[in-house]
N, C-alpha and C. Protein backbone atom coordinates (compact mmCIF):
# COMPACT_ATOMS: atom_id res chain seq x y z
N MET A 1 0.84 -1.18 0.00
CA MET A 1 0.00 0.00 0.00
C MET A 1 0.89 1.24 0.00
N ASN A 2 0.64 2.13 -0.98
CA ASN A 2 1.44 3.33 -1.11
C ASN A 2 0.70 4.30 -2.03
N ARG A 3 0.93 5.59 -1.84
CA ARG A 3 0.21 6.57 -2.66
C ARG A 3 0.61 6.51 -4.13
N VAL A 4 1.88 6.22 -4.41
CA VAL A 4 2.34 6.21 -5.79
C VAL A 4 2.76 4.81 -6.21
N TYR A 5 2.52 4.54 -7.49
CA TYR A 5 2.91 3.27 -8.11
C TYR A 5 2.95 3.54 -9.60
N PRO A 6 4.00 3.10 -10.30
CA PRO A 6 4.13 3.40 -11.73
C PRO A 6 2.86 3.08 -12.51
N PRO A 7 2.54 3.91 -13.52
CA PRO A 7 3.35 5.01 -14.06
C PRO A 7 3.30 6.32 -13.28
N VAL A 8 2.55 6.39 -12.18
CA VAL A 8 2.60 7.59 -11.34
C VAL A 8 4.02 7.73 -10.79
N ARG A 9 4.58 8.92 -10.91
CA ARG A 9 5.98 9.12 -10.56
C ARG A 9 6.20 9.10 -9.05
N GLY A 10 7.34 8.55 -8.64
CA GLY A 10 7.71 8.52 -7.23
C GLY A 10 8.68 7.38 -6.97
N ALA A 11 9.76 7.69 -6.24
CA ALA A 11 10.79 6.68 -5.98
C ALA A 11 10.25 5.51 -5.18
N SER A 12 9.40 5.79 -4.18
CA SER A 12 8.87 4.69 -3.37
C SER A 12 7.98 3.77 -4.20
N GLY A 13 7.30 4.34 -5.19
CA GLY A 13 6.47 3.51 -6.06
C GLY A 13 7.30 2.55 -6.90
N ARG A 14 8.48 2.99 -7.33
CA ARG A 14 9.33 2.13 -8.16
C ARG A 14 9.84 0.93 -7.36
N VAL A 15 10.30 1.18 -6.13
CA VAL A 15 10.80 0.04 -5.35
C VAL A 15 9.65 -0.87 -4.93
N LEU A 16 8.47 -0.28 -4.71
CA LEU A 16 7.30 -1.10 -4.39
C LEU A 16 6.94 -2.01 -5.56
N ARG A 17 7.02 -1.48 -6.78
CA ARG A 17 6.73 -2.32 -7.94
C ARG A 17 7.73 -3.48 -8.03
N ASP A 18 9.01 -3.21 -7.79
CA ASP A 18 9.99 -4.29 -7.80
C ASP A 18 9.63 -5.36 -6.78
N LEU A 19 9.24 -4.94 -5.58
CA LEU A 19 8.88 -5.89 -4.53
C LEU A 19 7.64 -6.68 -4.92
N ALA A 20 6.62 -5.98 -5.43
CA ALA A 20 5.37 -6.65 -5.80
C ALA A 20 5.61 -7.69 -6.89
N ARG A 21 6.40 -7.34 -7.88
CA ARG A 21 6.69 -8.28 -8.96
C ARG A 21 7.50 -9.47 -8.44
N SER A 22 8.41 -9.20 -7.50
CA SER A 22 9.20 -10.29 -6.92
C SER A 22 8.31 -11.25 -6.15
N PHE A 23 7.39 -10.72 -5.36
CA PHE A 23 6.43 -11.57 -4.64
C PHE A 23 5.63 -12.42 -5.62
N ALA A 24 5.18 -11.79 -6.71
CA ALA A 24 4.36 -12.50 -7.69
C ALA A 24 5.15 -13.64 -8.33
N ARG A 25 6.43 -13.40 -8.61
CA ARG A 25 7.26 -14.46 -9.20
C ARG A 25 7.43 -15.63 -8.24
N GLU A 26 7.36 -15.36 -6.94
CA GLU A 26 7.48 -16.42 -5.94
C GLU A 26 6.17 -17.16 -5.71
N GLY A 27 5.13 -16.76 -6.44
CA GLY A 27 3.86 -17.47 -6.35
C GLY A 27 2.81 -16.81 -5.48
N TRP A 28 3.10 -15.63 -4.93
CA TRP A 28 2.11 -14.92 -4.12
C TRP A 28 1.06 -14.27 -5.02
N GLN A 29 -0.15 -14.16 -4.51
CA GLN A 29 -1.18 -13.35 -5.15
C GLN A 29 -1.05 -11.94 -4.58
N VAL A 30 -0.65 -11.00 -5.41
CA VAL A 30 -0.28 -9.67 -4.93
C VAL A 30 -1.28 -8.62 -5.41
N THR A 31 -1.74 -7.80 -4.48
CA THR A 31 -2.60 -6.67 -4.80
C THR A 31 -1.96 -5.41 -4.24
N VAL A 32 -1.81 -4.40 -5.07
CA VAL A 32 -1.29 -3.10 -4.65
C VAL A 32 -2.44 -2.11 -4.62
N ILE A 33 -2.59 -1.43 -3.50
CA ILE A 33 -3.59 -0.36 -3.38
C ILE A 33 -2.85 0.96 -3.44
N THR A 34 -3.23 1.80 -4.41
CA THR A 34 -2.50 3.03 -4.66
C THR A 34 -3.47 4.07 -5.21
N THR A 35 -2.95 5.15 -5.77
CA THR A 35 -3.79 6.20 -6.33
C THR A 35 -3.54 6.34 -7.82
N GLY A 36 -4.40 7.11 -8.46
CA GLY A 36 -4.27 7.40 -9.87
C GLY A 36 -5.21 8.53 -10.25
N PRO A 37 -5.18 8.96 -11.51
CA PRO A 37 -6.07 10.05 -11.93
C PRO A 37 -7.54 9.69 -11.86
N LYS A 38 -7.84 8.38 -11.87
CA LYS A 38 -9.22 7.93 -11.72
C LYS A 38 -9.24 6.58 -11.01
N ALA A 39 -10.37 6.27 -10.39
CA ALA A 39 -10.50 4.99 -9.70
C ALA A 39 -10.61 3.88 -10.73
N MET A 40 -9.81 2.83 -10.56
CA MET A 40 -9.82 1.74 -11.52
C MET A 40 -9.06 0.56 -10.95
N SER A 41 -9.23 -0.58 -11.60
CA SER A 41 -8.47 -1.78 -11.28
C SER A 41 -7.78 -2.23 -12.55
N GLU A 42 -6.50 -2.57 -12.46
CA GLU A 42 -5.73 -2.95 -13.63
C GLU A 42 -4.72 -4.02 -13.25
N ARG A 43 -4.00 -4.50 -14.25
CA ARG A 43 -2.97 -5.51 -14.02
C ARG A 43 -1.61 -4.96 -14.41
N ASP A 44 -0.63 -5.24 -13.58
CA ASP A 44 0.76 -4.99 -13.91
C ASP A 44 1.44 -6.35 -13.94
N GLY A 45 1.31 -7.02 -15.07
CA GLY A 45 1.77 -8.40 -15.14
C GLY A 45 0.91 -9.26 -14.23
N ALA A 46 1.55 -9.96 -13.30
CA ALA A 46 0.81 -10.82 -12.37
C ALA A 46 0.31 -10.06 -11.15
N VAL A 47 0.58 -8.76 -11.08
CA VAL A 47 0.20 -7.94 -9.92
C VAL A 47 -1.12 -7.23 -10.21
N ARG A 48 -2.06 -7.36 -9.29
CA ARG A 48 -3.31 -6.61 -9.39
C ARG A 48 -3.11 -5.24 -8.76
N VAL A 49 -3.51 -4.20 -9.46
CA VAL A 49 -3.34 -2.83 -8.98
C VAL A 49 -4.71 -2.18 -8.86
N ILE A 50 -5.07 -1.79 -7.65
CA ILE A 50 -6.32 -1.08 -7.39
C ILE A 50 -5.97 0.38 -7.13
N ARG A 51 -6.51 1.27 -7.96
CA ARG A 51 -6.24 2.69 -7.80
C ARG A 51 -7.48 3.42 -7.30
N VAL A 52 -7.30 4.21 -6.26
CA VAL A 52 -8.34 5.14 -5.83
C VAL A 52 -8.01 6.49 -6.45
N LYS A 53 -9.02 7.27 -6.72
CA LYS A 53 -8.78 8.56 -7.35
C LYS A 53 -8.08 9.49 -6.37
N GLY A 54 -6.96 10.05 -6.82
CA GLY A 54 -6.20 10.95 -5.96
C GLY A 54 -5.28 11.82 -6.79
N ALA A 55 -5.12 13.06 -6.37
CA ALA A 55 -4.25 13.99 -7.09
C ALA A 55 -2.80 13.53 -7.02
N GLU A 56 -2.06 13.75 -8.11
CA GLU A 56 -0.64 13.37 -8.11
C GLU A 56 0.13 14.19 -7.08
N LYS A 57 -0.28 15.44 -6.87
CA LYS A 57 0.32 16.29 -5.85
C LYS A 57 -0.79 16.81 -4.95
N PRO A 58 -1.14 16.08 -3.89
CA PRO A 58 -2.23 16.49 -3.00
C PRO A 58 -1.98 17.88 -2.42
N SER A 59 -3.08 18.61 -2.22
CA SER A 59 -2.97 19.97 -1.71
C SER A 59 -3.12 19.97 -0.19
N GLY A 60 -2.01 20.08 0.50
CA GLY A 60 -2.02 20.23 1.94
C GLY A 60 -2.37 18.98 2.72
N ALA A 61 -2.46 19.16 4.03
CA ALA A 61 -2.70 18.03 4.93
C ALA A 61 -4.04 17.36 4.67
N LEU A 62 -5.07 18.16 4.35
CA LEU A 62 -6.39 17.58 4.12
C LEU A 62 -6.39 16.69 2.88
N GLY A 63 -5.62 17.07 1.86
CA GLY A 63 -5.53 16.25 0.66
C GLY A 63 -4.92 14.89 0.96
N TYR A 64 -3.86 14.90 1.75
CA TYR A 64 -3.23 13.63 2.14
C TYR A 64 -4.12 12.82 3.06
N LEU A 65 -4.84 13.49 3.96
CA LEU A 65 -5.74 12.77 4.87
C LEU A 65 -6.86 12.09 4.09
N TRP A 66 -7.39 12.76 3.07
CA TRP A 66 -8.46 12.19 2.26
C TRP A 66 -7.97 10.93 1.54
N ILE A 67 -6.75 10.99 0.99
CA ILE A 67 -6.18 9.81 0.33
C ILE A 67 -5.97 8.69 1.34
N TRP A 68 -5.47 9.03 2.52
CA TRP A 68 -5.24 8.06 3.60
C TRP A 68 -6.53 7.31 3.91
N MET A 69 -7.62 8.05 4.03
CA MET A 69 -8.91 7.44 4.36
C MET A 69 -9.42 6.56 3.22
N LYS A 70 -9.20 6.99 1.98
CA LYS A 70 -9.65 6.19 0.84
C LYS A 70 -8.86 4.89 0.73
N LEU A 71 -7.57 4.95 0.99
CA LEU A 71 -6.76 3.73 0.97
C LEU A 71 -7.21 2.76 2.06
N LEU A 72 -7.48 3.29 3.26
CA LEU A 72 -7.95 2.45 4.35
C LEU A 72 -9.29 1.81 4.01
N TRP A 73 -10.23 2.59 3.52
CA TRP A 73 -11.56 2.07 3.19
C TRP A 73 -11.48 0.98 2.12
N THR A 74 -10.64 1.21 1.11
CA THR A 74 -10.48 0.22 0.05
C THR A 74 -9.91 -1.08 0.60
N ALA A 75 -8.91 -0.98 1.46
CA ALA A 75 -8.29 -2.17 2.04
C ALA A 75 -9.26 -2.93 2.93
N LEU A 76 -10.07 -2.21 3.68
CA LEU A 76 -11.04 -2.87 4.57
C LEU A 76 -12.08 -3.66 3.80
N ARG A 77 -12.38 -3.23 2.59
CA ARG A 77 -13.41 -3.89 1.79
C ARG A 77 -12.90 -5.13 1.06
N LEU A 78 -11.60 -5.30 1.00
CA LEU A 78 -11.03 -6.45 0.31
C LEU A 78 -11.07 -7.69 1.21
N PRO A 79 -11.03 -8.88 0.61
CA PRO A 79 -10.97 -10.10 1.43
C PRO A 79 -9.71 -10.12 2.28
N LYS A 80 -9.74 -10.92 3.33
CA LYS A 80 -8.60 -11.04 4.23
C LYS A 80 -7.38 -11.54 3.47
N THR A 81 -6.23 -10.98 3.80
CA THR A 81 -4.97 -11.40 3.19
C THR A 81 -4.04 -11.96 4.26
N HIS A 82 -2.99 -12.63 3.81
CA HIS A 82 -2.01 -13.16 4.76
C HIS A 82 -1.08 -12.06 5.27
N LEU A 83 -0.77 -11.10 4.40
CA LEU A 83 0.25 -10.10 4.72
C LEU A 83 -0.13 -8.75 4.12
N VAL A 84 0.08 -7.70 4.89
CA VAL A 84 -0.07 -6.32 4.42
C VAL A 84 1.27 -5.62 4.56
N VAL A 85 1.70 -4.96 3.49
CA VAL A 85 2.93 -4.16 3.51
C VAL A 85 2.53 -2.70 3.31
N THR A 86 2.87 -1.85 4.28
CA THR A 86 2.59 -0.43 4.15
C THR A 86 3.89 0.34 4.01
N LEU A 87 3.85 1.40 3.18
CA LEU A 87 4.99 2.31 3.07
C LEU A 87 4.67 3.58 3.85
N THR A 88 5.23 4.71 3.47
CA THR A 88 5.06 5.93 4.26
C THR A 88 4.53 7.10 3.44
N ASP A 89 3.82 6.83 2.36
CA ASP A 89 3.21 7.87 1.56
C ASP A 89 1.79 7.45 1.22
N PRO A 90 0.79 8.12 1.79
CA PRO A 90 0.84 9.29 2.65
C PRO A 90 1.37 8.94 4.04
N PRO A 91 1.74 9.97 4.81
CA PRO A 91 2.25 9.71 6.16
C PRO A 91 1.26 8.92 7.01
N PHE A 92 1.81 8.18 7.94
CA PHE A 92 1.05 7.43 8.94
C PHE A 92 0.31 6.22 8.38
N LEU A 93 0.79 5.67 7.26
CA LEU A 93 0.19 4.44 6.74
C LEU A 93 0.40 3.27 7.69
N ALA A 94 1.37 3.38 8.59
CA ALA A 94 1.56 2.32 9.59
C ALA A 94 0.29 2.13 10.41
N ILE A 95 -0.44 3.22 10.64
CA ILE A 95 -1.69 3.12 11.40
C ILE A 95 -2.73 2.35 10.61
N VAL A 96 -2.77 2.56 9.29
CA VAL A 96 -3.67 1.77 8.44
C VAL A 96 -3.31 0.29 8.56
N GLY A 97 -2.02 -0.01 8.50
CA GLY A 97 -1.60 -1.40 8.64
C GLY A 97 -2.02 -2.01 9.96
N ARG A 98 -1.92 -1.22 11.02
CA ARG A 98 -2.32 -1.72 12.35
C ARG A 98 -3.83 -1.96 12.41
N ILE A 99 -4.63 -1.07 11.80
CA ILE A 99 -6.08 -1.25 11.78
C ILE A 99 -6.44 -2.54 11.04
N LEU A 100 -5.80 -2.76 9.90
CA LEU A 100 -6.06 -3.99 9.13
C LEU A 100 -5.60 -5.21 9.91
N GLN A 101 -4.46 -5.09 10.57
CA GLN A 101 -3.94 -6.20 11.38
C GLN A 101 -4.92 -6.56 12.49
N PHE A 102 -5.54 -5.56 13.09
CA PHE A 102 -6.46 -5.79 14.20
C PHE A 102 -7.77 -6.42 13.71
N PHE A 103 -8.34 -5.87 12.65
CA PHE A 103 -9.66 -6.33 12.22
C PHE A 103 -9.59 -7.58 11.35
N LYS A 104 -8.51 -7.75 10.58
CA LYS A 104 -8.44 -8.87 9.65
C LYS A 104 -7.47 -9.96 10.08
N ARG A 105 -6.77 -9.72 11.17
CA ARG A 105 -5.86 -10.72 11.72
C ARG A 105 -4.80 -11.17 10.72
N ASN A 106 -4.29 -10.22 9.95
CA ASN A 106 -3.21 -10.57 9.03
C ASN A 106 -1.88 -10.06 9.58
N HIS A 107 -0.80 -10.48 8.96
CA HIS A 107 0.52 -9.99 9.34
C HIS A 107 0.76 -8.62 8.71
N HIS A 108 1.59 -7.83 9.37
CA HIS A 108 1.84 -6.47 8.90
C HIS A 108 3.34 -6.19 8.90
N ILE A 109 3.84 -5.77 7.75
CA ILE A 109 5.21 -5.29 7.62
C ILE A 109 5.14 -3.81 7.25
N HIS A 110 5.83 -2.98 8.01
CA HIS A 110 5.88 -1.55 7.68
C HIS A 110 7.24 -1.25 7.07
N TRP A 111 7.22 -0.81 5.82
CA TRP A 111 8.43 -0.49 5.08
C TRP A 111 8.66 1.01 5.20
N CYS A 112 9.53 1.39 6.09
CA CYS A 112 9.67 2.78 6.52
C CYS A 112 10.65 3.54 5.62
N GLN A 113 10.11 4.34 4.70
CA GLN A 113 10.93 5.19 3.85
C GLN A 113 11.23 6.53 4.52
N ASP A 114 10.32 6.99 5.37
CA ASP A 114 10.47 8.24 6.10
C ASP A 114 9.91 8.06 7.50
N LEU A 115 10.44 8.81 8.45
CA LEU A 115 9.92 8.77 9.82
C LEU A 115 9.03 9.99 10.06
N TYR A 116 7.74 9.72 10.15
CA TYR A 116 6.79 10.79 10.47
C TYR A 116 6.33 10.63 11.92
N PRO A 117 6.05 11.75 12.59
CA PRO A 117 6.09 13.14 12.13
C PRO A 117 7.46 13.80 12.24
N ASP A 118 8.50 13.04 12.55
CA ASP A 118 9.83 13.61 12.79
C ASP A 118 10.32 14.46 11.62
N VAL A 119 10.02 14.03 10.40
CA VAL A 119 10.56 14.69 9.22
C VAL A 119 9.83 16.00 8.90
N PHE A 120 8.70 16.25 9.54
CA PHE A 120 7.93 17.46 9.23
C PHE A 120 8.76 18.72 9.43
N SER A 121 9.53 18.78 10.51
CA SER A 121 10.31 19.99 10.78
C SER A 121 11.33 20.24 9.67
N ALA A 122 11.93 19.16 9.14
CA ALA A 122 12.89 19.31 8.05
C ALA A 122 12.22 19.80 6.77
N LEU A 123 10.93 19.54 6.63
CA LEU A 123 10.17 19.98 5.46
C LEU A 123 9.56 21.36 5.66
N GLY A 124 9.80 21.95 6.81
CA GLY A 124 9.24 23.27 7.08
C GLY A 124 7.78 23.25 7.48
N ILE A 125 7.27 22.07 7.86
CA ILE A 125 5.87 21.94 8.28
C ILE A 125 5.83 21.99 9.80
N LYS A 126 5.05 22.91 10.32
CA LYS A 126 5.02 23.12 11.77
C LYS A 126 3.63 22.83 12.33
N PHE A 127 3.60 22.04 13.39
CA PHE A 127 2.39 21.78 14.15
C PHE A 127 2.67 22.14 15.61
N PRO A 128 1.62 22.44 16.38
CA PRO A 128 1.83 22.64 17.81
C PRO A 128 2.45 21.39 18.44
N GLU A 129 3.20 21.60 19.50
CA GLU A 129 3.95 20.51 20.13
C GLU A 129 3.04 19.37 20.57
N PHE A 130 1.86 19.69 21.10
CA PHE A 130 0.98 18.63 21.59
C PHE A 130 0.45 17.77 20.44
N ILE A 131 0.26 18.38 19.26
CA ILE A 131 -0.18 17.60 18.10
C ILE A 131 0.95 16.70 17.62
N MET A 132 2.18 17.23 17.58
CA MET A 132 3.32 16.42 17.17
C MET A 132 3.50 15.23 18.10
N ARG A 133 3.36 15.47 19.39
CA ARG A 133 3.52 14.40 20.36
C ARG A 133 2.43 13.34 20.20
N PHE A 134 1.20 13.80 19.95
CA PHE A 134 0.09 12.86 19.75
C PHE A 134 0.33 12.01 18.50
N LEU A 135 0.71 12.64 17.39
CA LEU A 135 0.93 11.92 16.15
C LEU A 135 2.08 10.91 16.30
N LYS A 136 3.16 11.35 16.94
CA LYS A 136 4.30 10.45 17.10
C LYS A 136 3.94 9.25 17.96
N ASN A 137 3.20 9.48 19.03
CA ASN A 137 2.80 8.37 19.89
C ASN A 137 1.93 7.37 19.14
N ARG A 138 1.01 7.88 18.32
CA ARG A 138 0.10 6.99 17.60
C ARG A 138 0.85 6.15 16.55
N VAL A 139 1.70 6.80 15.77
CA VAL A 139 2.37 6.06 14.70
C VAL A 139 3.43 5.12 15.26
N ARG A 140 4.13 5.51 16.33
CA ARG A 140 5.11 4.61 16.92
C ARG A 140 4.43 3.39 17.53
N ALA A 141 3.28 3.60 18.16
CA ALA A 141 2.54 2.47 18.72
C ALA A 141 2.13 1.49 17.63
N ALA A 142 1.68 2.02 16.49
CA ALA A 142 1.29 1.16 15.37
C ALA A 142 2.49 0.40 14.83
N MET A 143 3.63 1.08 14.72
CA MET A 143 4.83 0.43 14.20
C MET A 143 5.32 -0.66 15.14
N LYS A 144 5.21 -0.43 16.44
CA LYS A 144 5.68 -1.44 17.40
C LYS A 144 4.82 -2.69 17.37
N ARG A 145 3.58 -2.58 16.90
CA ARG A 145 2.71 -3.75 16.79
C ARG A 145 2.89 -4.49 15.47
N ALA A 146 3.65 -3.90 14.54
CA ALA A 146 3.90 -4.57 13.27
C ALA A 146 4.77 -5.81 13.50
N ASP A 147 4.63 -6.80 12.62
CA ASP A 147 5.45 -8.00 12.73
C ASP A 147 6.91 -7.71 12.39
N LYS A 148 7.13 -6.74 11.52
CA LYS A 148 8.49 -6.37 11.13
C LYS A 148 8.46 -4.93 10.64
N VAL A 149 9.53 -4.19 10.96
CA VAL A 149 9.71 -2.84 10.44
C VAL A 149 10.98 -2.83 9.60
N ILE A 150 10.83 -2.50 8.33
CA ILE A 150 11.96 -2.41 7.41
C ILE A 150 12.37 -0.95 7.32
N VAL A 151 13.63 -0.65 7.57
CA VAL A 151 14.14 0.71 7.44
C VAL A 151 15.21 0.74 6.37
N ILE A 152 15.46 1.93 5.82
CA ILE A 152 16.36 2.02 4.67
C ILE A 152 17.78 2.42 5.05
N GLY A 153 18.04 2.59 6.34
CA GLY A 153 19.39 2.94 6.76
C GLY A 153 19.62 2.70 8.24
N ARG A 154 20.90 2.62 8.62
CA ARG A 154 21.24 2.35 10.01
C ARG A 154 20.90 3.51 10.93
N CYS A 155 20.97 4.75 10.41
CA CYS A 155 20.61 5.90 11.24
C CYS A 155 19.14 5.84 11.63
N MET A 156 18.29 5.44 10.69
CA MET A 156 16.87 5.29 10.99
C MET A 156 16.65 4.18 12.01
N ALA A 157 17.40 3.10 11.88
CA ALA A 157 17.28 2.00 12.84
C ALA A 157 17.67 2.46 14.24
N ARG A 158 18.77 3.22 14.35
CA ARG A 158 19.19 3.72 15.65
C ARG A 158 18.15 4.66 16.25
N HIS A 159 17.55 5.48 15.40
CA HIS A 159 16.51 6.41 15.87
C HIS A 159 15.35 5.64 16.49
N LEU A 160 14.95 4.56 15.85
CA LEU A 160 13.85 3.76 16.39
C LEU A 160 14.28 3.02 17.65
N ASN A 161 15.52 2.59 17.70
CA ASN A 161 16.01 1.96 18.93
C ASN A 161 15.94 2.92 20.11
N TYR A 162 16.26 4.19 19.86
CA TYR A 162 16.15 5.20 20.92
C TYR A 162 14.71 5.36 21.38
N ASP A 163 13.76 5.09 20.48
CA ASP A 163 12.34 5.21 20.81
C ASP A 163 11.78 3.95 21.46
N GLY A 164 12.64 3.00 21.75
CA GLY A 164 12.20 1.82 22.50
C GLY A 164 11.80 0.62 21.67
N PHE A 165 12.16 0.61 20.39
CA PHE A 165 11.84 -0.55 19.55
C PHE A 165 12.77 -1.71 19.88
N ASP A 166 12.26 -2.91 19.74
CA ASP A 166 13.08 -4.10 19.89
C ASP A 166 13.97 -4.21 18.65
N PRO A 167 15.29 -4.23 18.81
CA PRO A 167 16.17 -4.33 17.64
C PRO A 167 15.86 -5.53 16.75
N LYS A 168 15.33 -6.61 17.33
CA LYS A 168 15.00 -7.79 16.54
C LYS A 168 13.82 -7.54 15.59
N GLN A 169 13.04 -6.51 15.88
CA GLN A 169 11.89 -6.20 15.03
C GLN A 169 12.31 -5.43 13.78
N ILE A 170 13.49 -4.83 13.81
CA ILE A 170 13.93 -3.93 12.75
C ILE A 170 14.93 -4.62 11.84
N THR A 171 14.73 -4.47 10.54
CA THR A 171 15.67 -4.97 9.54
C THR A 171 16.04 -3.82 8.60
N VAL A 172 17.32 -3.67 8.34
CA VAL A 172 17.80 -2.60 7.45
C VAL A 172 17.94 -3.15 6.04
N ILE A 173 17.20 -2.57 5.10
CA ILE A 173 17.31 -2.92 3.68
C ILE A 173 17.37 -1.61 2.90
N PRO A 174 18.55 -1.18 2.47
CA PRO A 174 18.65 0.07 1.71
C PRO A 174 17.89 -0.04 0.39
N ASN A 175 17.35 1.09 -0.06
CA ASN A 175 16.70 1.10 -1.37
C ASN A 175 17.73 0.83 -2.45
N TRP A 176 17.30 0.16 -3.50
CA TRP A 176 18.21 -0.25 -4.56
C TRP A 176 18.03 0.66 -5.77
N VAL A 177 19.00 0.58 -6.67
CA VAL A 177 18.97 1.40 -7.87
C VAL A 177 17.89 0.89 -8.81
N ASP A 178 17.27 1.82 -9.54
CA ASP A 178 16.26 1.47 -10.53
C ASP A 178 16.96 1.11 -11.83
N SER A 179 16.95 -0.15 -12.18
CA SER A 179 17.68 -0.62 -13.36
C SER A 179 17.09 -0.06 -14.65
N GLU A 180 15.83 0.43 -14.61
CA GLU A 180 15.23 1.02 -15.81
C GLU A 180 15.73 2.44 -16.04
N LEU A 181 16.26 3.08 -15.00
CA LEU A 181 16.76 4.44 -15.13
C LEU A 181 18.27 4.49 -15.31
N VAL A 182 18.98 3.52 -14.76
CA VAL A 182 20.44 3.51 -14.82
C VAL A 182 20.89 2.30 -15.62
N GLN A 183 21.60 2.55 -16.70
CA GLN A 183 22.15 1.48 -17.52
C GLN A 183 23.66 1.46 -17.35
N PHE A 184 24.19 0.32 -16.95
CA PHE A 184 25.63 0.20 -16.74
C PHE A 184 26.29 -0.29 -18.03
N SER A 185 27.34 0.41 -18.41
CA SER A 185 28.05 0.06 -19.64
C SER A 185 29.01 -1.10 -19.40
N GLN A 186 29.07 -2.00 -20.38
CA GLN A 186 30.02 -3.11 -20.32
C GLN A 186 31.04 -3.00 -21.45
N ASP A 187 31.22 -1.79 -21.95
CA ASP A 187 32.14 -1.54 -23.06
C ASP A 187 33.58 -1.62 -22.55
N ASP A 188 34.36 -2.54 -23.12
CA ASP A 188 35.75 -2.71 -22.68
C ASP A 188 36.63 -1.53 -23.07
N ASP A 189 36.12 -0.67 -24.00
CA ASP A 189 36.92 0.46 -24.45
C ASP A 189 36.77 1.69 -23.55
N CYS A 190 35.94 1.58 -22.51
CA CYS A 190 35.73 2.72 -21.61
C CYS A 190 37.02 3.03 -20.85
N GLU A 191 37.19 4.32 -20.56
CA GLU A 191 38.34 4.73 -19.76
C GLU A 191 38.21 4.15 -18.35
N PRO A 192 39.31 3.68 -17.76
CA PRO A 192 39.24 3.13 -16.40
C PRO A 192 38.94 4.23 -15.39
N VAL A 193 38.29 3.85 -14.31
CA VAL A 193 37.97 4.77 -13.23
C VAL A 193 38.96 4.55 -12.10
N HIS A 194 39.57 5.63 -11.63
CA HIS A 194 40.53 5.55 -10.53
C HIS A 194 39.90 6.18 -9.29
N ILE A 195 39.89 5.45 -8.19
CA ILE A 195 39.34 5.94 -6.93
C ILE A 195 40.48 6.22 -5.98
N THR A 196 40.55 7.46 -5.50
CA THR A 196 41.61 7.87 -4.59
C THR A 196 41.08 7.88 -3.17
N THR A 197 41.78 7.21 -2.28
CA THR A 197 41.42 7.17 -0.87
C THR A 197 42.61 7.69 -0.06
N PRO A 198 42.41 8.03 1.20
CA PRO A 198 43.55 8.47 2.03
C PRO A 198 44.69 7.47 2.05
N GLU A 199 44.36 6.18 1.97
CA GLU A 199 45.40 5.15 1.99
C GLU A 199 46.30 5.25 0.76
N SER A 200 45.75 5.82 -0.35
CA SER A 200 46.54 5.91 -1.57
C SER A 200 47.78 6.77 -1.37
N TYR A 201 47.64 7.78 -0.51
CA TYR A 201 48.77 8.68 -0.31
C TYR A 201 49.82 8.09 0.61
N ARG A 202 49.48 7.04 1.32
CA ARG A 202 50.44 6.43 2.25
C ARG A 202 51.33 5.41 1.54
N SER A 203 50.89 4.96 0.37
CA SER A 203 51.65 3.91 -0.32
C SER A 203 52.75 4.51 -1.18
């Protein structure tokens, strides 16, 4: 579950598509709930994609909240699944995962691309302190109830450890390069690349 999924632009959507296709190749029945210019259901190979209508660039907090609610409602109406994977666009999707986990008794993995509401200050978004504290408490509680939290870096893992997470619950998996955007040359005639490190000057 994520707000963006190709062809809608967004880095998190690209890695989600890679994951969804990988699950499908392993024999899983995969459904992605996302947004698009209109509500529809389509296929991305073996992956079923359900799109709720949503702006590519939502206007303000209310726009994101509306999409959040539509994603939750769509997921609640689907048959029970074995596993739900939530990302972090829109913010606080971990809470959606926890709601589904509670009502449908499925497993929940939260794939944490960003830490909300912590990142709001870096984005220049300001809320009163009591609202920030309330939001952080709610989303951290939902994340702690997840079966697994995937983070994209060790700094994020340490941040969650400081917040009282069990280190065994957290797995670090950095985002990978998009092979459709980056093509590596195998031309033997290319100029060699020399990497200089401090050790080079000692030799």
